[in-house]
């Protein structure tokens, strides 16, 4: 027989943990399911989070879990959810890969996203150690390099986002080269933009055949199709992302044009009543602080809906 909960949170990162930290304050029986797959798993430091600057995200998760223990209303299980559906009686049924099943009155999706790396040999080997997708999250540590690179491809493969990232990189480097990886049309657009509004930036349109992490600091060597190579102090690049897993698809949730789950603020209910979403899977601002805020909002909304339904009254939203 499936164990029943008031709220089931799927995802054990900042958004899921923040949701739980709100729900416990209203004493609802809650289950948090953590697949232990995190977008920042390779990072050893977190930034822009007050009181947790330059500290390990793994320790953050452990401390957040420990904070929940004194309440006694949250159960945490390390499990990856494979199926999620709403039953005819209105309850939501959650099934893990090992067949274990739970039911809940409300669901909070905090499943996050995955980065989709471009098809460039060596890219994955340089990720986190030499390629940084957010220069607020990591960038200051690479100050005073002579040159940095900006890969203008994927989500950054247009003039406005490419220059946006390049300007941030100029806070740490004296000069930035924008690499279009064989995209001659984009290279011309970038050069035209720099002719109109000069900055210490260069454009390189050559195809990248391989990326190699150099041993010094965050340096990356770019091997180019003509046999030449360039070494940069670091590379800035935001790859494309996709939702982790297919639970939103299983529930038939409405999505945004940016392929995140569409939610209705401030409590972040999705297009299906009783299902809420928080964090990277529900926001284009995919940061820890954004996930914490989204988790707090969903963790407030799910209990309010349960309480209204208990007395057959109308909820505040």
Protein backbone atom coordinates (compact mmCIF):
# COMPACT_ATOMS: atom_id res chain seq x y z
CA UNK A 1 0.00 0.00 0.00
CA UNK A 2 1.34 3.42 -0.97
CA UNK A 3 2.31 5.82 1.79
CA UNK A 4 0.22 9.00 1.70
CA UNK A 5 1.45 12.54 2.27
CA UNK A 6 0.02 16.02 2.19
CA UNK A 7 2.80 17.29 -0.07
CA UNK A 8 5.38 15.44 -2.14
CA UNK A 9 8.40 17.46 -3.23
CA UNK A 10 10.35 15.99 -6.14
CA UNK A 11 13.89 17.38 -6.11
CA UNK A 12 16.43 17.84 -3.34
CA UNK A 13 18.30 20.92 -4.50
CA UNK A 14 17.83 24.49 -3.20
CA UNK A 15 14.27 24.82 -4.56
CA UNK A 16 13.04 21.57 -3.05
CA UNK A 17 14.74 22.18 0.27
CA UNK A 18 13.40 25.72 0.42
CA UNK A 19 9.88 24.42 -0.28
CA UNK A 20 10.20 21.98 2.60
CA UNK A 21 11.49 24.68 4.94
CA UNK A 22 8.27 26.64 4.36
CA UNK A 23 5.88 23.71 4.57
CA UNK A 24 7.22 22.53 7.95
CA UNK A 25 6.12 25.81 9.48
CA UNK A 26 2.51 24.73 8.86
CA UNK A 27 3.12 21.15 10.02
CA UNK A 28 2.02 19.23 6.95
CA UNK A 29 3.17 15.66 6.41
CA UNK A 30 5.72 16.02 3.62
CA UNK A 31 7.90 13.73 1.52
CA UNK A 32 11.01 15.03 -0.24
CA UNK A 33 12.37 12.76 -2.96
CA UNK A 34 15.96 13.46 -3.98
CA UNK A 35 17.47 11.84 -7.08
CA UNK A 36 20.89 13.16 -5.94
CA UNK A 37 21.48 14.53 -9.43
CA UNK A 38 22.35 18.22 -9.23
CA UNK A 39 23.24 20.72 -11.94
CA UNK A 40 26.02 22.12 -9.74
CA UNK A 41 27.34 18.69 -8.70
CA UNK A 42 30.83 19.47 -10.05
CA UNK A 43 31.04 22.85 -8.33
CA UNK A 44 32.82 23.06 -5.00
CA UNK A 45 31.74 26.58 -4.13
CA UNK A 46 28.52 28.59 -4.09
CA UNK A 47 28.29 32.36 -4.50
CA UNK A 48 25.69 35.16 -4.29
CA UNK A 49 24.04 33.34 -1.36
CA UNK A 50 24.27 35.40 1.81
CA UNK A 51 26.12 33.52 4.59
CA UNK A 52 27.23 30.78 2.16
CA UNK A 53 29.83 32.61 0.06
CA UNK A 54 32.64 30.35 -1.22
CA UNK A 55 31.18 27.30 0.51
CA UNK A 56 30.41 23.83 -0.77
CA UNK A 57 26.91 23.26 -2.20
CA UNK A 58 27.00 19.69 -0.88
CA UNK A 59 27.41 21.07 2.63
CA UNK A 60 24.54 23.48 1.93
CA UNK A 61 22.25 20.58 1.07
CA UNK A 62 23.33 18.65 4.16
CA UNK A 63 22.78 21.65 6.44
CA UNK A 64 19.36 22.31 4.92
CA UNK A 65 18.33 18.71 5.47
CA UNK A 66 19.54 18.86 9.07
CA UNK A 67 17.45 21.99 9.70
CA UNK A 68 14.30 20.03 8.84
CA UNK A 69 14.85 17.20 11.34
CA UNK A 70 13.63 19.07 14.43
CA UNK A 71 10.14 19.44 12.96
CA UNK A 72 9.49 15.73 12.51
CA UNK A 73 7.03 16.23 9.64
CA UNK A 74 9.38 15.78 6.68
CA UNK A 75 10.56 12.44 5.34
CA UNK A 76 13.51 12.51 2.95
CA UNK A 77 14.24 9.61 0.64
CA UNK A 78 16.97 9.34 -1.98
CA UNK A 79 14.99 8.10 -4.96
CA UNK A 80 14.58 8.93 -8.62
CA UNK A 81 10.97 9.29 -9.73
CA UNK A 82 10.04 7.51 -12.95
CA UNK A 83 6.31 8.11 -13.17
CA UNK A 84 3.84 10.68 -11.88
CA UNK A 85 0.10 10.84 -12.50
CA UNK A 86 -3.12 12.13 -10.99
CA UNK A 87 -5.54 9.38 -10.02
CA UNK A 88 -9.31 9.50 -10.43
CA UNK A 89 -9.69 10.32 -6.72
CA UNK A 90 -7.58 13.47 -7.20
CA UNK A 91 -4.49 12.21 -5.39
CA UNK A 92 -1.16 12.19 -7.16
CA UNK A 93 0.70 8.90 -7.47
CA UNK A 94 4.50 8.91 -7.54
CA UNK A 95 6.50 5.82 -8.47
CA UNK A 96 10.27 5.47 -8.12
CA UNK A 97 12.58 3.41 -10.28
CA UNK A 98 12.58 0.58 -7.76
CA UNK A 99 8.78 0.41 -7.82
CA UNK A 100 8.23 2.14 -4.49
CA UNK A 101 5.01 4.17 -4.58
CA UNK A 102 3.69 7.17 -2.67
CA UNK A 103 0.56 9.32 -2.97
CA UNK A 104 0.15 12.98 -2.16
CA UNK A 105 -2.49 15.67 -2.16
CA UNK A 106 -0.10 18.19 -3.72
CA UNK A 107 3.06 17.93 -5.81
CA UNK A 108 5.97 20.35 -5.99
CA UNK A 109 8.28 19.84 -8.95
CA UNK A 110 11.79 21.02 -8.14
CA UNK A 111 13.52 18.76 -10.61
CA UNK A 112 15.84 21.35 -12.15
CA UNK A 113 17.43 21.32 -15.57
CA UNK A 114 20.38 19.72 -17.35
CA UNK A 115 22.98 21.52 -19.43
CA UNK A 116 23.21 20.35 -23.04
CA UNK A 117 26.82 20.73 -24.13
CA UNK A 118 27.68 21.75 -27.70
CA UNK A 119 29.27 19.14 -29.94
CA UNK A 120 32.84 20.31 -29.41
CA UNK A 121 35.42 17.67 -28.38
CA UNK A 122 36.84 18.44 -24.94
CA UNK A 123 34.03 20.77 -23.90
CA UNK A 124 32.88 18.52 -21.05
CA UNK A 125 36.45 18.21 -19.75
CA UNK A 126 36.68 22.00 -19.42
CA UNK A 127 33.23 22.50 -17.89
CA UNK A 128 33.39 24.16 -14.44
CA UNK A 129 37.21 24.12 -14.45
CA UNK A 130 37.63 26.42 -17.45
CA UNK A 131 34.20 27.11 -18.93
CA UNK A 132 31.79 29.15 -16.81
CA UNK A 133 28.14 29.74 -17.69
CA UNK A 134 27.54 32.44 -15.04
CA UNK A 135 30.27 34.92 -14.22
CA UNK A 136 28.46 35.88 -11.02
CA UNK A 137 28.67 32.26 -9.89
CA UNK A 138 32.33 31.97 -10.89
CA UNK A 139 34.37 34.73 -12.48
CA UNK A 140 35.84 37.00 -9.83
CA UNK A 141 38.31 34.20 -9.02
CA UNK A 142 39.82 34.58 -12.51
CA UNK A 143 40.60 38.29 -12.24
CA UNK A 144 43.60 39.89 -13.88
CA UNK A 145 43.95 37.53 -16.84
CA UNK A 146 45.12 39.13 -20.07
CA UNK A 147 42.56 37.47 -22.32
CA UNK A 148 39.33 35.54 -22.00
CA UNK A 149 37.10 33.87 -24.54
CA UNK A 150 33.36 33.98 -25.11
CA UNK A 151 31.78 31.12 -27.04
CA UNK A 152 28.97 32.57 -29.17
CA UNK A 153 26.94 29.42 -29.77
CA UNK A 154 23.61 28.00 -28.61
CA UNK A 155 21.90 30.30 -26.12
CA UNK A 156 24.71 32.81 -26.59
CA UNK A 157 24.78 32.50 -30.39
CA UNK A 158 23.42 35.96 -31.16
CA UNK A 159 24.82 39.48 -30.92
CA UNK A 160 23.02 40.69 -27.79
CA UNK A 161 23.69 37.70 -25.50
CA UNK A 162 27.24 37.27 -26.83
CA UNK A 163 28.15 40.88 -26.06
CA UNK A 164 26.32 40.63 -22.74
CA UNK A 165 28.61 37.80 -21.59
CA UNK A 166 31.69 39.40 -23.15
CA UNK A 167 31.15 42.63 -21.20
CA UNK A 168 31.00 40.64 -17.96
CA UNK A 169 34.22 38.84 -18.91
CA UNK A 170 35.90 42.22 -19.37
CA UNK A 171 35.56 42.75 -15.62
CA UNK A 172 38.16 39.99 -15.22
CA UNK A 173 40.16 40.21 -18.45
CA UNK A 174 41.85 42.99 -20.40
CA UNK A 175 40.51 41.67 -23.72
CA UNK A 176 37.84 39.20 -24.82
CA UNK A 177 37.67 37.19 -28.03
CA UNK A 178 34.23 36.11 -29.24
CA UNK A 179 34.42 32.71 -30.94
CA UNK A 180 31.58 31.94 -33.35
CA UNK A 181 32.78 28.38 -34.12
CA UNK A 182 32.44 28.62 -37.89
CA UNK A 183 29.37 30.86 -37.94
CA UNK A 184 30.53 33.49 -40.42
CA UNK A 185 27.21 35.35 -40.49
CA UNK A 186 27.24 35.85 -36.73
CA UNK A 187 30.90 36.87 -36.86
CA UNK A 188 30.05 39.63 -39.32
CA UNK A 189 27.14 40.82 -37.17
CA UNK A 190 29.41 40.97 -34.12
CA UNK A 191 32.13 42.86 -36.01
CA UNK A 192 29.55 45.34 -37.29
CA UNK A 193 28.26 45.82 -33.74
CA UNK A 194 31.80 46.41 -32.44
CA UNK A 195 32.50 48.88 -35.25
CA UNK A 196 29.45 50.85 -34.14
CA UNK A 197 30.25 50.58 -30.43
CA UNK A 198 33.92 49.69 -29.89
CA UNK A 199 35.07 47.66 -26.89
CA UNK A 200 38.24 45.68 -26.15
CA UNK A 201 36.81 42.67 -27.98
CA UNK A 202 37.87 40.65 -31.02
CA UNK A 203 35.92 38.17 -33.17
CA UNK A 204 37.24 34.79 -34.31
CA UNK A 205 35.01 32.88 -36.75
CA UNK A 206 37.16 29.75 -37.15
CA UNK A 207 35.73 26.33 -36.43
CA UNK A 208 36.84 24.91 -33.08
CA UNK A 209 38.13 21.34 -33.44
CA UNK A 210 38.97 20.70 -29.79
CA UNK A 211 39.08 22.30 -26.34
CA UNK A 212 41.88 21.34 -23.96
CA UNK A 213 42.07 22.31 -20.29
CA UNK A 214 45.48 23.79 -19.58
CA UNK A 215 47.03 23.04 -16.17
CA UNK A 216 47.29 26.69 -15.07
CA UNK A 217 44.27 28.16 -13.30
CA UNK A 218 41.21 28.15 -15.58
CA UNK A 219 43.11 28.42 -18.86
CA UNK A 220 41.63 26.72 -21.91
CA UNK A 221 43.36 25.99 -25.21
CA UNK A 222 41.19 26.24 -28.31
CA UNK A 223 42.45 24.17 -31.24
CA UNK A 224 41.14 25.63 -34.50
CA UNK A 225 40.44 24.11 -37.92
CA UNK A 226 43.36 25.86 -39.64
CA UNK A 227 45.85 24.19 -37.29
CA UNK A 228 46.34 27.21 -35.05
CA UNK A 229 45.53 27.37 -31.35
CA UNK A 230 44.56 30.10 -28.89
CA UNK A 231 44.87 30.06 -25.11
CA UNK A 232 42.34 31.98 -23.04
CA UNK A 233 42.30 32.70 -19.31
CA UNK A 234 38.81 31.15 -19.26
CA UNK A 235 35.79 30.69 -21.52
CA UNK A 236 32.36 32.16 -20.86
CA UNK A 237 29.47 30.21 -22.34
CA UNK A 238 25.90 29.36 -21.40
CA UNK A 239 24.91 26.08 -23.07
CA UNK A 240 21.34 25.18 -23.83
CA UNK A 241 19.37 23.50 -21.08
CA UNK A 242 16.53 20.99 -20.90
CA UNK A 243 14.25 19.89 -18.09
CA UNK A 244 15.64 17.04 -16.04
CA UNK A 245 13.35 14.09 -16.61
CA UNK A 246 9.91 14.06 -18.23
CA UNK A 247 7.54 14.44 -15.26
CA UNK A 248 6.09 17.72 -16.56
CA UNK A 249 5.36 15.98 -19.85
CA UNK A 250 3.73 13.04 -18.05
CA UNK A 251 1.35 15.46 -16.33
CA UNK A 252 0.71 17.41 -19.52
CA UNK A 253 1.79 20.71 -17.96
CA UNK A 254 1.80 23.89 -19.99
CA UNK A 255 5.30 25.09 -20.87
CA UNK A 256 6.78 28.51 -21.61
CA UNK A 257 8.49 29.43 -24.92
CA UNK A 258 11.79 28.96 -23.04
CA UNK A 259 10.83 25.33 -22.30
CA UNK A 260 10.35 25.81 -18.57
CA UNK A 261 7.20 24.86 -16.70
CA UNK A 262 4.67 27.70 -16.84
CA UNK A 263 3.66 28.82 -13.35
CA UNK A 264 1.29 31.41 -11.94
CA UNK A 265 3.00 33.66 -9.37
CA UNK A 266 3.27 34.25 -6.52
CA UNK A 267 2.59 30.67 -5.39
CA UNK A 268 3.79 29.06 -8.63
CA UNK A 269 0.92 26.70 -9.36
CA UNK A 270 1.21 25.09 -12.78
CA UNK A 271 -1.56 24.61 -15.34
CA UNK A 272 -2.72 21.56 -13.36
CA UNK A 273 -4.36 22.36 -10.02
CA UNK A 274 -2.44 20.86 -7.14
CA UNK A 275 0.89 20.79 -8.96
CA UNK A 276 3.42 23.51 -8.22
CA UNK A 277 6.91 24.07 -9.65
CA UNK A 278 9.97 25.85 -8.31
CA UNK A 279 13.56 26.53 -9.20
CA UNK A 280 15.35 26.06 -12.50
CA UNK A 281 12.55 23.97 -14.04
CA UNK A 282 10.14 26.90 -13.67
CA UNK A 283 12.26 30.00 -14.22
CA UNK A 284 14.61 31.50 -16.82
CA UNK A 285 16.64 32.97 -13.93
CA UNK A 286 18.39 29.74 -13.01
CA UNK A 287 20.29 30.73 -9.89
CA UNK A 288 20.45 29.40 -6.34
CA UNK A 289 18.83 32.53 -4.92
CA UNK A 290 16.06 32.34 -7.50
CA UNK A 291 15.49 28.69 -6.60
CA UNK A 292 15.32 29.56 -2.91
CA UNK A 293 12.70 32.23 -3.59
CA UNK A 294 10.65 29.95 -5.84
CA UNK A 295 10.80 27.19 -3.25
CA UNK A 296 9.57 29.50 -0.52
CA UNK A 297 6.63 30.58 -2.69
CA UNK A 298 5.57 27.05 -3.63
CA UNK A 299 6.11 25.86 -0.08
CA UNK A 300 3.69 28.56 1.00
CA UNK A 301 1.10 27.89 -1.70
CA UNK A 302 0.64 24.13 -1.43
CA UNK A 303 -0.33 24.20 2.28
CA UNK A 304 -2.74 27.10 1.74
CA UNK A 305 -4.57 25.12 -0.91
CA UNK A 306 -4.78 22.03 1.30
CA UNK A 307 -6.13 24.06 4.22
CA UNK A 308 -8.86 25.69 2.12
CA UNK A 309 -9.93 22.36 0.68
CA UNK A 310 -10.09 20.79 4.14
CA UNK A 311 -12.97 23.15 5.04
CA UNK A 312 -14.47 23.39 1.53
CA UNK A 313 -13.54 27.05 1.40
CA UNK A 314 -12.02 29.12 -1.38
CA UNK A 315 -8.23 29.45 -1.31
CA UNK A 316 -6.53 32.83 -1.54
CA UNK A 317 -5.39 31.94 -5.05
